[in-house]
Amino acid sequence: MIDVQVPDRHLWLRITRPHYRDPFDPTFAQRRGGRWNPPDSWPTLYLNHDLATVHAQVRHLFAGRGIEADDLDDDAPIRLAAGTLPGRQRVADVASDGGVAAVGLPVTYPADIGGGSIPHATTQAIGVDAHQAGLRGVWCRSAAGVGRELAWFPAARSAARPVWPAPLEFGLWRHAISVDQLPA
């Protein structure tokens, strides 16, 4: 397993819902599991590296449902939160070709060589190895097919620091292509 340090002071983005009390609460994925952590494991927060990844995630959320992101109204119940992480976070590299190969995934990841999905059981086992190695998460190619994500294993329940007073409503970020275009 290859490890890398995520950029310090980077603005991480997270898609949230209006009813989330804390958009940076890592206990939901701890209970339910996710791509990189099994159910009933450890706190995990899934974050997007940039807006291109966020937009791909929104398209991915609605894939196969007969609705597209362009069909949504500006007040759709999707919000965007932004936060920073404590410095010096060492994580497993499952983004570079070398990192993908080092954990035994095909170079085509996030798809298998036939174009299908890699099962969560496979990626969760890699997450277990990263967690047991003392790494703070998994830096990976987005399962939405565009961009990079971070499955972050925080040392404390609410260690991410929000940078906005509240998550932004969908209409405020739906067409933005850079974080510089977002309201401060």
C-alpha atoms as a PDB file:
ATOM      1  CA  MET A   1       0.000   0.000   0.000  1.00  0.00           C
ATOM      2  CA  ILE A   2       1.336   3.410  -0.971  1.00  0.00           C
ATOM      3  CA  ASP A   3       0.535   6.338   1.296  1.00  0.00           C
ATOM      4  CA  VAL A   4       0.423  10.040   0.491  1.00  0.00           C
ATOM      5  CA  GLN A   5      -0.260  13.229   2.410  1.00  0.00           C
ATOM      6  CA  VAL A   6      -3.403  15.109   1.446  1.00  0.00           C
ATOM      7  CA  PRO A   7      -2.904  18.817   0.827  1.00  0.00           C
ATOM      8  CA  ASP A   8      -2.932  20.951   3.973  1.00  0.00           C
ATOM      9  CA  ARG A   9      -5.519  23.769   4.114  1.00  0.00           C
ATOM     10  CA  HIS A  10      -7.412  22.263   1.169  1.00  0.00           C
ATOM     11  CA  LEU A  11     -11.124  23.098   0.923  1.00  0.00           C
ATOM     12  CA  TRP A  12     -12.955  19.745   0.991  1.00  0.00           C
ATOM     13  CA  LEU A  13     -16.523  19.602  -0.265  1.00  0.00           C
ATOM     14  CA  ARG A  14     -19.371  17.442   0.955  1.00  0.00           C
ATOM     15  CA  ILE A  15     -22.866  16.937  -0.413  1.00  0.00           C
ATOM     16  CA  THR A  16     -25.394  17.106   2.417  1.00  0.00           C
ATOM     17  CA  ARG A  17     -29.142  17.195   3.013  1.00  0.00           C
ATOM     18  CA  PRO A  18     -31.104  19.954   4.794  1.00  0.00           C
ATOM     19  CA  HIS A  19     -31.937  17.676   7.739  1.00  0.00           C
ATOM     20  CA  TYR A  20     -28.290  16.865   8.578  1.00  0.00           C
ATOM     21  CA  ARG A  21     -27.519  18.395  11.964  1.00  0.00           C
ATOM     22  CA  ASP A  22     -23.774  18.273  11.321  1.00  0.00           C
ATOM     23  CA  PRO A  23     -22.696  17.880   7.692  1.00  0.00           C
ATOM     24  CA  PHE A  24     -19.297  16.663   8.902  1.00  0.00           C
ATOM     25  CA  ASP A  25     -20.608  13.951  11.235  1.00  0.00           C
ATOM     26  CA  PRO A  26     -18.641  10.775  10.409  1.00  0.00           C
ATOM     27  CA  THR A  27     -20.842   8.430  12.465  1.00  0.00           C
ATOM     28  CA  PHE A  28     -23.422   7.753   9.712  1.00  0.00           C
ATOM     29  CA  ALA A  29     -20.826   5.982   7.547  1.00  0.00           C
ATOM     30  CA  GLN A  30     -19.445   4.376  10.707  1.00  0.00           C
ATOM     31  CA  ARG A  31     -22.815   2.704  11.308  1.00  0.00           C
ATOM     32  CA  ARG A  32     -23.897   2.041   7.712  1.00  0.00           C
ATOM     33  CA  GLY A  33     -20.517   1.517   6.088  1.00  0.00           C
ATOM     34  CA  GLY A  34     -19.416   2.903   2.762  1.00  0.00           C
ATOM     35  CA  ARG A  35     -17.108   2.149  -0.102  1.00  0.00           C
ATOM     36  CA  TRP A  36     -13.992   2.186   2.125  1.00  0.00           C
ATOM     37  CA  ASN A  37     -15.288   1.194   5.567  1.00  0.00           C
ATOM     38  CA  PRO A  38     -17.487  -1.742   6.574  1.00  0.00           C
ATOM     39  CA  PRO A  39     -20.681  -1.261   8.619  1.00  0.00           C
ATOM     40  CA  ASP A  40     -20.206  -0.859  12.375  1.00  0.00           C
ATOM     41  CA  SER A  41     -16.536   0.003  11.977  1.00  0.00           C
ATOM     42  CA  TRP A  42     -14.941   3.418  12.588  1.00  0.00           C
ATOM     43  CA  PRO A  43     -15.966   7.028  11.872  1.00  0.00           C
ATOM     44  CA  THR A  44     -15.539   7.869   8.183  1.00  0.00           C
ATOM     45  CA  LEU A  45     -16.284  11.053   6.313  1.00  0.00           C
ATOM     46  CA  TYR A  46     -16.603  10.962   2.538  1.00  0.00           C
ATOM     47  CA  LEU A  47     -15.352  14.167   0.914  1.00  0.00           C
ATOM     48  CA  ASN A  48     -14.965  15.525  -2.615  1.00  0.00           C
ATOM     49  CA  HIS A  49     -11.736  17.129  -3.772  1.00  0.00           C
ATOM     50  CA  ASP A  50     -13.329  19.715  -6.077  1.00  0.00           C
ATOM     51  CA  LEU A  51     -16.532  20.920  -7.697  1.00  0.00           C
ATOM     52  CA  ALA A  52     -16.105  18.709 -10.776  1.00  0.00           C
ATOM     53  CA  THR A  53     -16.251  15.705  -8.449  1.00  0.00           C
ATOM     54  CA  VAL A  54     -19.264  17.172  -6.609  1.00  0.00           C
ATOM     55  CA  HIS A  55     -21.144  17.636  -9.885  1.00  0.00           C
ATOM     56  CA  ALA A  56     -20.283  14.077 -10.932  1.00  0.00           C
ATOM     57  CA  GLN A  57     -21.548  12.841  -7.550  1.00  0.00           C
ATOM     58  CA  VAL A  58     -24.875  14.630  -8.045  1.00  0.00           C
ATOM     59  CA  ARG A  59     -25.264  13.031 -11.492  1.00  0.00           C
ATOM     60  CA  HIS A  60     -24.320   9.670  -9.930  1.00  0.00           C
ATOM     61  CA  LEU A  61     -26.956  10.116  -7.184  1.00  0.00           C
ATOM     62  CA  PHE A  62     -29.708  10.333  -9.789  1.00  0.00           C
ATOM     63  CA  ALA A  63     -28.361   7.814 -12.320  1.00  0.00           C
ATOM     64  CA  GLY A  64     -31.005   5.325 -13.374  1.00  0.00           C
ATOM     65  CA  ARG A  65     -33.840   7.272 -11.729  1.00  0.00           C
ATOM     66  CA  GLY A  66     -35.101   9.023 -14.862  1.00  0.00           C
ATOM     67  CA  ILE A  67     -34.043  12.425 -13.525  1.00  0.00           C
ATOM     68  CA  GLU A  68     -30.935  14.479 -14.167  1.00  0.00           C
ATOM     69  CA  ALA A  69     -29.323  17.260 -12.180  1.00  0.00           C
ATOM     70  CA  ASP A  70     -30.541  19.796 -14.767  1.00  0.00           C
ATOM     71  CA  ASP A  71     -34.122  18.733 -13.959  1.00  0.00           C
ATOM     72  CA  LEU A  72     -33.739  19.825 -10.329  1.00  0.00           C
ATOM     73  CA  ASP A  73     -34.994  23.160  -9.025  1.00  0.00           C
ATOM     74  CA  ASP A  74     -32.627  25.575  -7.292  1.00  0.00           C
ATOM     75  CA  ASP A  75     -34.260  24.666  -3.960  1.00  0.00           C
ATOM     76  CA  ALA A  76     -33.672  20.910  -4.384  1.00  0.00           C
ATOM     77  CA  PRO A  77     -32.844  19.273  -1.024  1.00  0.00           C
ATOM     78  CA  ILE A  78     -29.137  18.986  -1.798  1.00  0.00           C
ATOM     79  CA  ARG A  79     -26.662  21.203   0.002  1.00  0.00           C
ATOM     80  CA  LEU A  80     -22.932  21.746  -0.232  1.00  0.00           C
ATOM     81  CA  ALA A  81     -20.725  22.035   2.827  1.00  0.00           C
ATOM     82  CA  ALA A  82     -17.056  22.972   2.796  1.00  0.00           C
ATOM     83  CA  GLY A  83     -14.446  22.294   5.417  1.00  0.00           C
ATOM     84  CA  THR A  84     -10.790  21.863   6.121  1.00  0.00           C
ATOM     85  CA  LEU A  85      -8.989  19.017   7.849  1.00  0.00           C
ATOM     86  CA  PRO A  86      -6.199  19.023  10.391  1.00  0.00           C
ATOM     87  CA  GLY A  87      -2.768  19.114   8.731  1.00  0.00           C
ATOM     88  CA  ARG A  88      -0.476  16.206   7.887  1.00  0.00           C
ATOM     89  CA  GLN A  89      -3.107  13.585   7.049  1.00  0.00           C
ATOM     90  CA  ARG A  90      -1.401  10.459   5.657  1.00  0.00           C
ATOM     91  CA  VAL A  91      -3.797   8.333   3.603  1.00  0.00           C
ATOM     92  CA  ALA A  92      -3.709   5.315   1.309  1.00  0.00           C
ATOM     93  CA  ASP A  93      -3.210   6.215  -2.341  1.00  0.00           C
ATOM     94  CA  VAL A  94      -5.874   4.581  -4.502  1.00  0.00           C
ATOM     95  CA  ALA A  95      -5.845   7.444  -7.007  1.00  0.00           C
ATOM     96  CA  SER A  96      -2.567   6.996  -8.894  1.00  0.00           C
ATOM     97  CA  ASP A  97      -1.984   4.009 -11.171  1.00  0.00           C
ATOM     98  CA  GLY A  98       0.778   2.816  -8.822  1.00  0.00           C
ATOM     99  CA  GLY A  99      -1.440   3.178  -5.760  1.00  0.00           C
ATOM    100  CA  VAL A 100      -4.309   1.336  -7.437  1.00  0.00           C
ATOM    101  CA  ALA A 101      -1.984  -1.508  -8.441  1.00  0.00           C
ATOM    102  CA  ALA A 102      -0.399  -1.640  -4.964  1.00  0.00           C
ATOM    103  CA  VAL A 103      -3.767  -2.496  -3.372  1.00  0.00           C
ATOM    104  CA  GLY A 104      -4.544  -5.117  -6.029  1.00  0.00           C
ATOM    105  CA  LEU A 105      -7.222  -3.245  -7.966  1.00  0.00           C
ATOM    106  CA  PRO A 106      -7.235  -3.133 -11.765  1.00  0.00           C
ATOM    107  CA  VAL A 107      -5.833   0.006 -13.390  1.00  0.00           C
ATOM    108  CA  THR A 108      -9.387   0.614 -14.664  1.00  0.00           C
ATOM    109  CA  TYR A 109     -10.583   1.342 -11.111  1.00  0.00           C
ATOM    110  CA  PRO A 110     -13.260   2.507 -10.203  1.00  0.00           C
ATOM    111  CA  ALA A 111     -14.550  -0.008 -12.765  1.00  0.00           C
ATOM    112  CA  ASP A 112     -13.359  -3.574 -13.129  1.00  0.00           C
ATOM    113  CA  ILE A 113     -11.704  -4.619 -16.393  1.00  0.00           C
ATOM    114  CA  GLY A 114     -15.106  -5.520 -17.846  1.00  0.00           C
ATOM    115  CA  GLY A 115     -16.559  -2.087 -17.019  1.00  0.00           C
ATOM    116  CA  GLY A 116     -18.565  -3.298 -14.021  1.00  0.00           C
ATOM    117  CA  SER A 117     -18.467  -2.092 -10.445  1.00  0.00           C
ATOM    118  CA  ILE A 118     -15.836  -3.191  -7.957  1.00  0.00           C
ATOM    119  CA  PRO A 119     -17.773  -4.669  -4.995  1.00  0.00           C
ATOM    120  CA  HIS A 120     -17.779  -2.723  -1.737  1.00  0.00           C
ATOM    121  CA  ALA A 121     -16.475  -5.815   0.048  1.00  0.00           C
ATOM    122  CA  THR A 122     -13.266  -5.480  -1.997  1.00  0.00           C
ATOM    123  CA  THR A 123     -12.759  -1.780  -1.303  1.00  0.00           C
ATOM    124  CA  GLN A 124     -13.811  -2.129   2.335  1.00  0.00           C
ATOM    125  CA  ALA A 125     -11.059  -4.708   2.849  1.00  0.00           C
ATOM    126  CA  ILE A 126      -8.561  -2.162   1.499  1.00  0.00           C
ATOM    127  CA  GLY A 127     -10.006   0.424   3.889  1.00  0.00           C
ATOM    128  CA  VAL A 128      -9.570  -2.022   6.782  1.00  0.00           C
ATOM    129  CA  ASP A 129      -5.909  -2.489   5.803  1.00  0.00           C
ATOM    130  CA  ALA A 130      -5.393   1.290   5.611  1.00  0.00           C
ATOM    131  CA  HIS A 131      -7.081   1.814   8.979  1.00  0.00           C
ATOM    132  CA  GLN A 132      -5.047  -0.961  10.609  1.00  0.00           C
ATOM    133  CA  ALA A 133      -1.879   0.580   9.164  1.00  0.00           C
ATOM    134  CA  GLY A 134      -2.720   3.778  11.052  1.00  0.00           C
ATOM    135  CA  LEU A 135      -3.530   5.798   7.945  1.00  0.00           C
ATOM    136  CA  ARG A 136      -6.163   8.541   8.189  1.00  0.00           C
ATOM    137  CA  GLY A 137      -8.139   7.434   5.147  1.00  0.00           C
ATOM    138  CA  VAL A 138      -8.182   6.530   1.480  1.00  0.00           C
ATOM    139  CA  TRP A 139      -7.458   9.033  -1.320  1.00  0.00           C
ATOM    140  CA  CYS A 140      -9.167   7.570  -4.361  1.00  0.00           C
ATOM    141  CA  ARG A 141     -10.600   8.002  -7.809  1.00  0.00           C
ATOM    142  CA  SER A 142     -14.258   8.916  -7.547  1.00  0.00           C
ATOM    143  CA  ALA A 143     -16.731   6.098  -8.064  1.00  0.00           C
ATOM    144  CA  ALA A 144     -18.798   8.686  -9.968  1.00  0.00           C
ATOM    145  CA  GLY A 145     -16.148   8.484 -12.711  1.00  0.00           C
ATOM    146  CA  VAL A 146     -14.803  12.041 -12.449  1.00  0.00           C
ATOM    147  CA  GLY A 147     -12.337  13.498  -9.983  1.00  0.00           C
ATOM    148  CA  ARG A 148     -10.983  12.410  -6.637  1.00  0.00           C
ATOM    149  CA  GLU A 149     -12.525  11.669  -3.251  1.00  0.00           C
ATOM    150  CA  LEU A 150     -11.233  11.212   0.249  1.00  0.00           C
ATOM    151  CA  ALA A 151     -12.662   8.663   2.648  1.00  0.00           C
ATOM    152  CA  TRP A 152     -11.295  10.281   5.793  1.00  0.00           C
ATOM    153  CA  PHE A 153     -10.953   8.446   9.103  1.00  0.00           C
ATOM    154  CA  PRO A 154     -10.932  11.315  11.631  1.00  0.00           C
ATOM    155  CA  ALA A 155      -9.186  10.913  14.949  1.00  0.00           C
ATOM    156  CA  ALA A 156     -12.054  12.794  16.643  1.00  0.00           C
ATOM    157  CA  ARG A 157     -15.787  12.741  15.895  1.00  0.00           C
ATOM    158  CA  SER A 158     -15.999  16.314  14.548  1.00  0.00           C
ATOM    159  CA  ALA A 159     -12.443  17.097  13.561  1.00  0.00           C
ATOM    160  CA  ALA A 160     -13.335  18.721  10.213  1.00  0.00           C
ATOM    161  CA  ARG A 161     -13.604  22.501  10.431  1.00  0.00           C
ATOM    162  CA  PRO A 162     -16.532  24.008   8.484  1.00  0.00           C
ATOM    163  CA  VAL A 163     -15.637  27.155   6.543  1.00  0.00           C
ATOM    164  CA  TRP A 164     -19.197  28.397   5.922  1.00  0.00           C
ATOM    165  CA  PRO A 165     -21.796  29.139   8.617  1.00  0.00           C
ATOM    166  CA  ALA A 166     -24.205  26.703   6.910  1.00  0.00           C
ATOM    167  CA  PRO A 167     -24.224  24.464   3.827  1.00  0.00           C
ATOM    168  CA  LEU A 168     -25.101  26.244   0.583  1.00  0.00           C
ATOM    169  CA  GLU A 169     -28.426  25.622  -1.114  1.00  0.00           C
ATOM    170  CA  PHE A 170     -28.282  23.848  -4.477  1.00  0.00           C
ATOM    171  CA  GLY A 171     -29.088  26.980  -6.513  1.00  0.00           C
ATOM    172  CA  LEU A 172     -26.019  28.748  -5.123  1.00  0.00           C
ATOM    173  CA  TRP A 173     -23.524  26.169  -6.401  1.00  0.00           C
ATOM    174  CA  ARG A 174     -25.209  24.116  -9.110  1.00  0.00           C
ATOM    175  CA  HIS A 175     -23.516  25.973 -11.998  1.00  0.00           C
ATOM    176  CA  ALA A 176     -20.239  26.912 -10.305  1.00  0.00           C
ATOM    177  CA  ILE A 177     -17.117  25.355 -11.786  1.00  0.00           C
ATOM    178  CA  SER A 178     -14.641  26.690  -9.231  1.00  0.00           C
ATOM    179  CA  VAL A 179     -14.815  27.244  -5.482  1.00  0.00           C
ATOM    180  CA  ASP A 180     -13.892  30.862  -6.249  1.00  0.00           C
ATOM    181  CA  GLN A 181     -17.387  31.237  -7.735  1.00  0.00           C
ATOM    182  CA  LEU A 182     -19.088  30.196  -4.491  1.00  0.00           C
ATOM    183  CA  PRO A 183     -20.429  32.732  -1.993  1.00  0.00           C
ATOM    184  CA  ALA A 184     -18.136  33.153   0.979  1.00  0.00           C
END
